[in-house]
Amino acid sequence: MKILAAADIHGDTKLAQALAEKAAKEKVEFVVLCGDLVASDSSTQGIIGPFVKKNKKVILIPGNHETIATADFLAELYGVKNLHGYSLLLGEKKEIGLFGCGLANIGQFALQESEIYDILKKGYSYIKKSKTKIMVTHVHPSGTLMEKLSSFVTGSSGVKKAVEQLKPNILLCSHVHEAEGIEEKIGNTLVINVGRKGKIIEV
């Protein structure tokens, strides 16, 4: 299965269109959007529509620039899935499990680190028997190279704890623009900062 994962669109409709075209060209089965889809919880038009027009199934979470309500609105309007606090099984045999937590540990809509961990743990409980487990967050884990590339955006200890204890195969995140495209490992978990240009993941 091919997945296009991207984030930090920030209301850029031209970028959304380019990503949708990339999804079509690469013949991905799912698009995963890891938050910061709009600019300051506004300008929702033209962000999800381009993917839907290309007949792509979309999974999203809110970042620190939109509320859960905005993510829910987009999900309901376009018939896509808001993964924040939920899980999803993909594949013919439901062998791929996704679970997620949006928002971040900073900003107006900040979550406590304990909340981030608890949300991820709950979602994981429904997909823990999956062969491949994919965790989706907006914020990156603390103590990583990604964190060191920003002087003001701190990583999440809640996400780090979830990686260490739940041991997903892959973590898709974003948040630090300077870390776009970086891949690193925490234990056996591959952590990918998907960035604005997007990453193709094959599972």
Protein backbone atom coordinates (compact mmCIF):
# COMPACT_ATOMS: atom_id res chain seq x y z
CA MET A 1 0.00 0.00 0.00
CA LYS A 2 1.25 3.46 -0.92
CA ILE A 3 0.50 6.44 1.31
CA LEU A 4 1.25 10.10 0.69
CA ALA A 5 1.82 11.88 4.00
CA ALA A 6 2.15 15.67 4.19
CA ALA A 7 1.54 18.55 6.58
CA ASP A 8 1.94 22.26 7.26
CA ILE A 9 -0.13 23.38 4.27
CA HIS A 10 -1.17 26.52 6.21
CA GLY A 11 -3.99 27.40 3.82
CA ASP A 12 -1.80 27.25 0.70
CA THR A 13 -4.30 26.08 -1.93
CA LYS A 14 -1.63 25.84 -4.64
CA LEU A 15 0.35 23.48 -2.42
CA ALA A 16 -2.77 21.39 -1.72
CA GLN A 17 -3.39 21.13 -5.46
CA ALA A 18 0.23 20.11 -6.11
CA LEU A 19 0.07 17.45 -3.40
CA ALA A 20 -3.20 16.13 -4.83
CA GLU A 21 -1.59 15.87 -8.26
CA LYS A 22 1.37 14.07 -6.71
CA ALA A 23 -1.01 11.62 -5.01
CA ALA A 24 -2.67 10.90 -8.35
CA LYS A 25 0.62 10.55 -10.23
CA GLU A 26 2.07 8.20 -7.62
CA LYS A 27 -1.21 6.25 -7.45
CA VAL A 28 -1.34 6.31 -3.67
CA GLU A 29 -4.27 4.67 -1.92
CA PHE A 30 -4.43 7.04 1.05
CA VAL A 31 -3.39 10.59 1.86
CA VAL A 32 -2.45 11.33 5.48
CA LEU A 33 -2.38 15.02 6.47
CA CYS A 34 -0.50 15.59 9.72
CA GLY A 35 -1.93 18.93 10.79
CA ASP A 36 -1.55 22.69 10.26
CA LEU A 37 -3.83 22.49 7.25
CA VAL A 38 -5.19 26.02 7.53
CA ALA A 39 -3.82 29.41 8.57
CA SER A 40 -4.84 30.37 12.10
CA ASP A 41 -8.02 28.26 12.07
CA SER A 42 -9.37 29.96 8.95
CA SER A 43 -9.26 29.67 5.13
CA THR A 44 -10.50 26.07 4.94
CA GLN A 45 -11.49 26.24 1.26
CA GLY A 46 -9.35 24.44 -1.29
CA ILE A 47 -7.39 22.33 1.18
CA ILE A 48 -9.15 18.95 1.18
CA GLY A 49 -11.20 19.32 -2.00
CA PRO A 50 -8.30 18.78 -4.43
CA PHE A 51 -7.60 15.33 -2.95
CA VAL A 52 -11.27 14.34 -3.03
CA LYS A 53 -11.52 15.42 -6.67
CA LYS A 54 -8.64 13.03 -7.43
CA ASN A 55 -10.65 10.27 -5.71
CA LYS A 56 -8.12 9.93 -2.90
CA LYS A 57 -9.08 8.74 0.56
CA VAL A 58 -7.95 11.30 3.13
CA ILE A 59 -7.02 10.87 6.78
CA LEU A 60 -6.24 14.03 8.75
CA ILE A 61 -5.46 15.37 12.19
CA PRO A 62 -5.49 18.98 13.45
CA GLY A 63 -2.22 20.79 14.08
CA ASN A 64 -1.57 23.74 16.36
CA HIS A 65 -3.11 26.12 13.80
CA GLU A 66 -6.61 24.65 13.82
CA THR A 67 -9.08 23.35 16.36
CA ILE A 68 -10.50 19.86 16.61
CA ALA A 69 -13.80 21.45 15.53
CA THR A 70 -12.23 22.68 12.29
CA ALA A 71 -10.76 19.23 11.62
CA ASP A 72 -14.16 17.67 12.31
CA PHE A 73 -15.82 20.20 9.99
CA LEU A 74 -13.42 19.34 7.15
CA ALA A 75 -13.85 15.62 7.77
CA GLU A 76 -17.65 15.84 7.71
CA LEU A 77 -17.79 18.21 4.74
CA TYR A 78 -15.60 16.03 2.52
CA GLY A 79 -16.39 12.60 3.94
CA VAL A 80 -12.86 11.98 5.19
CA LYS A 81 -11.47 10.73 8.52
CA ASN A 82 -10.27 12.85 11.44
CA LEU A 83 -7.89 10.46 13.22
CA HIS A 84 -7.44 12.61 16.35
CA GLY A 85 -8.26 10.33 19.29
CA TYR A 86 -9.28 7.50 16.99
CA SER A 87 -7.86 4.55 15.08
CA LEU A 88 -8.36 3.06 11.64
CA LEU A 89 -7.66 -0.32 10.06
CA LEU A 90 -6.53 -0.42 6.43
CA GLY A 91 -5.75 -3.14 3.93
CA GLU A 92 -7.70 -6.11 2.61
CA LYS A 93 -6.99 -8.05 5.77
CA LYS A 94 -7.03 -4.99 8.05
CA GLU A 95 -3.33 -5.56 8.60
CA ILE A 96 -2.38 -1.88 8.80
CA GLY A 97 -3.45 0.04 11.88
CA LEU A 98 -3.34 3.84 12.20
CA PHE A 99 -3.90 5.83 15.37
CA GLY A 100 -3.38 9.51 16.01
CA CYS A 101 -3.27 12.60 18.14
CA GLY A 102 -3.42 16.06 16.65
CA LEU A 103 -2.80 19.54 18.09
CA ALA A 104 0.50 20.07 19.93
CA ASN A 105 2.09 20.90 23.25
CA ILE A 106 2.21 24.64 22.44
CA GLY A 107 -0.17 27.31 21.24
CA GLN A 108 -3.75 28.33 21.90
CA PHE A 109 -5.09 24.78 21.61
CA ALA A 110 -2.21 23.08 23.46
CA LEU A 111 -2.56 19.66 25.06
CA GLN A 112 -0.79 18.55 28.21
CA GLU A 113 1.88 15.91 27.60
CA SER A 114 -0.11 13.40 29.64
CA GLU A 115 -3.16 14.06 27.42
CA ILE A 116 -1.13 13.42 24.27
CA TYR A 117 0.12 10.12 25.63
CA ASP A 118 -3.32 9.02 26.86
CA ILE A 119 -4.97 9.82 23.51
CA LEU A 120 -2.34 7.82 21.64
CA LYS A 121 -2.52 4.92 24.07
CA LYS A 122 -6.30 4.73 23.68
CA GLY A 123 -6.11 4.74 19.88
CA TYR A 124 -3.37 2.12 19.93
CA SER A 125 -5.50 -0.24 22.01
CA TYR A 126 -7.82 -0.79 19.03
CA ILE A 127 -5.11 -1.59 16.49
CA LYS A 128 -2.47 -3.30 18.64
CA LYS A 129 -2.90 -6.64 16.85
CA SER A 130 -2.19 -5.09 13.44
CA LYS A 131 0.87 -6.30 11.58
CA THR A 132 1.96 -2.72 10.78
CA LYS A 133 1.21 0.07 13.24
CA ILE A 134 1.41 3.70 12.14
CA MET A 135 1.18 6.53 14.66
CA VAL A 136 0.18 9.96 13.32
CA THR A 137 0.90 13.17 15.24
CA HIS A 138 1.49 16.80 14.43
CA VAL A 139 4.22 17.45 16.95
CA HIS A 140 7.51 15.55 16.85
CA PRO A 141 9.01 13.58 19.77
CA SER A 142 11.32 15.28 22.25
CA GLY A 143 15.00 14.45 22.29
CA THR A 144 15.23 13.97 18.51
CA LEU A 145 17.29 15.60 15.78
CA MET A 146 14.07 17.24 14.58
CA GLU A 147 13.79 19.09 17.88
CA LYS A 148 17.38 20.35 17.62
CA LEU A 149 16.71 21.95 14.24
CA SER A 150 14.40 24.52 15.81
CA SER A 151 15.36 27.07 18.44
CA PHE A 152 11.81 27.59 19.68
CA VAL A 153 9.62 24.58 18.76
CA THR A 154 10.04 21.94 21.42
CA GLY A 155 9.30 18.27 20.90
CA SER A 156 6.69 16.36 22.85
CA SER A 157 7.62 14.10 25.76
CA GLY A 158 4.13 12.59 25.48
CA VAL A 159 4.79 11.53 21.88
CA LYS A 160 8.25 10.26 22.87
CA LYS A 161 6.73 8.16 25.68
CA ALA A 162 4.11 6.75 23.30
CA VAL A 163 6.80 5.73 20.82
CA GLU A 164 8.89 4.06 23.50
CA GLN A 165 6.02 2.22 25.15
CA LEU A 166 3.67 1.44 22.25
CA LYS A 167 6.47 0.78 19.73
CA PRO A 168 4.69 1.64 16.45
CA ASN A 169 6.51 0.67 13.27
CA ILE A 170 6.24 4.20 11.89
CA LEU A 171 5.54 7.66 13.31
CA LEU A 172 4.40 10.32 10.84
CA CYS A 173 4.77 13.86 12.17
CA SER A 174 5.67 17.39 11.08
CA HIS A 175 5.54 20.71 13.01
CA VAL A 176 9.22 21.70 12.55
CA HIS A 177 9.47 23.07 9.01
CA GLU A 178 13.27 23.02 9.15
CA ALA A 179 13.18 19.25 9.71
CA GLU A 180 11.16 18.48 6.58
CA GLY A 181 12.02 15.08 5.14
CA ILE A 182 14.20 13.97 8.04
CA GLU A 183 13.94 10.31 9.06
CA GLU A 184 15.36 8.97 12.30
CA LYS A 185 14.81 6.07 14.63
CA ILE A 186 13.63 5.72 18.21
CA GLY A 187 14.25 2.09 19.00
CA ASN A 188 12.71 0.20 16.08
CA THR A 189 10.26 3.01 15.23
CA LEU A 190 10.96 4.98 12.06
CA VAL A 191 10.12 8.63 12.72
CA ILE A 192 9.41 10.68 9.58
CA ASN A 193 8.93 14.43 9.40
CA VAL A 194 6.69 14.44 6.33
CA GLY A 195 6.85 18.18 5.68
CA ARG A 196 5.07 20.36 3.13
CA LYS A 197 6.37 18.55 0.05
CA GLY A 198 5.08 15.23 1.34
CA LYS A 199 6.54 11.76 1.65
CA ILE A 200 5.53 8.58 -0.11
CA ILE A 201 5.46 5.67 2.33
CA GLU A 202 5.04 2.08 1.20
CA VAL A 203 3.71 -0.38 3.79
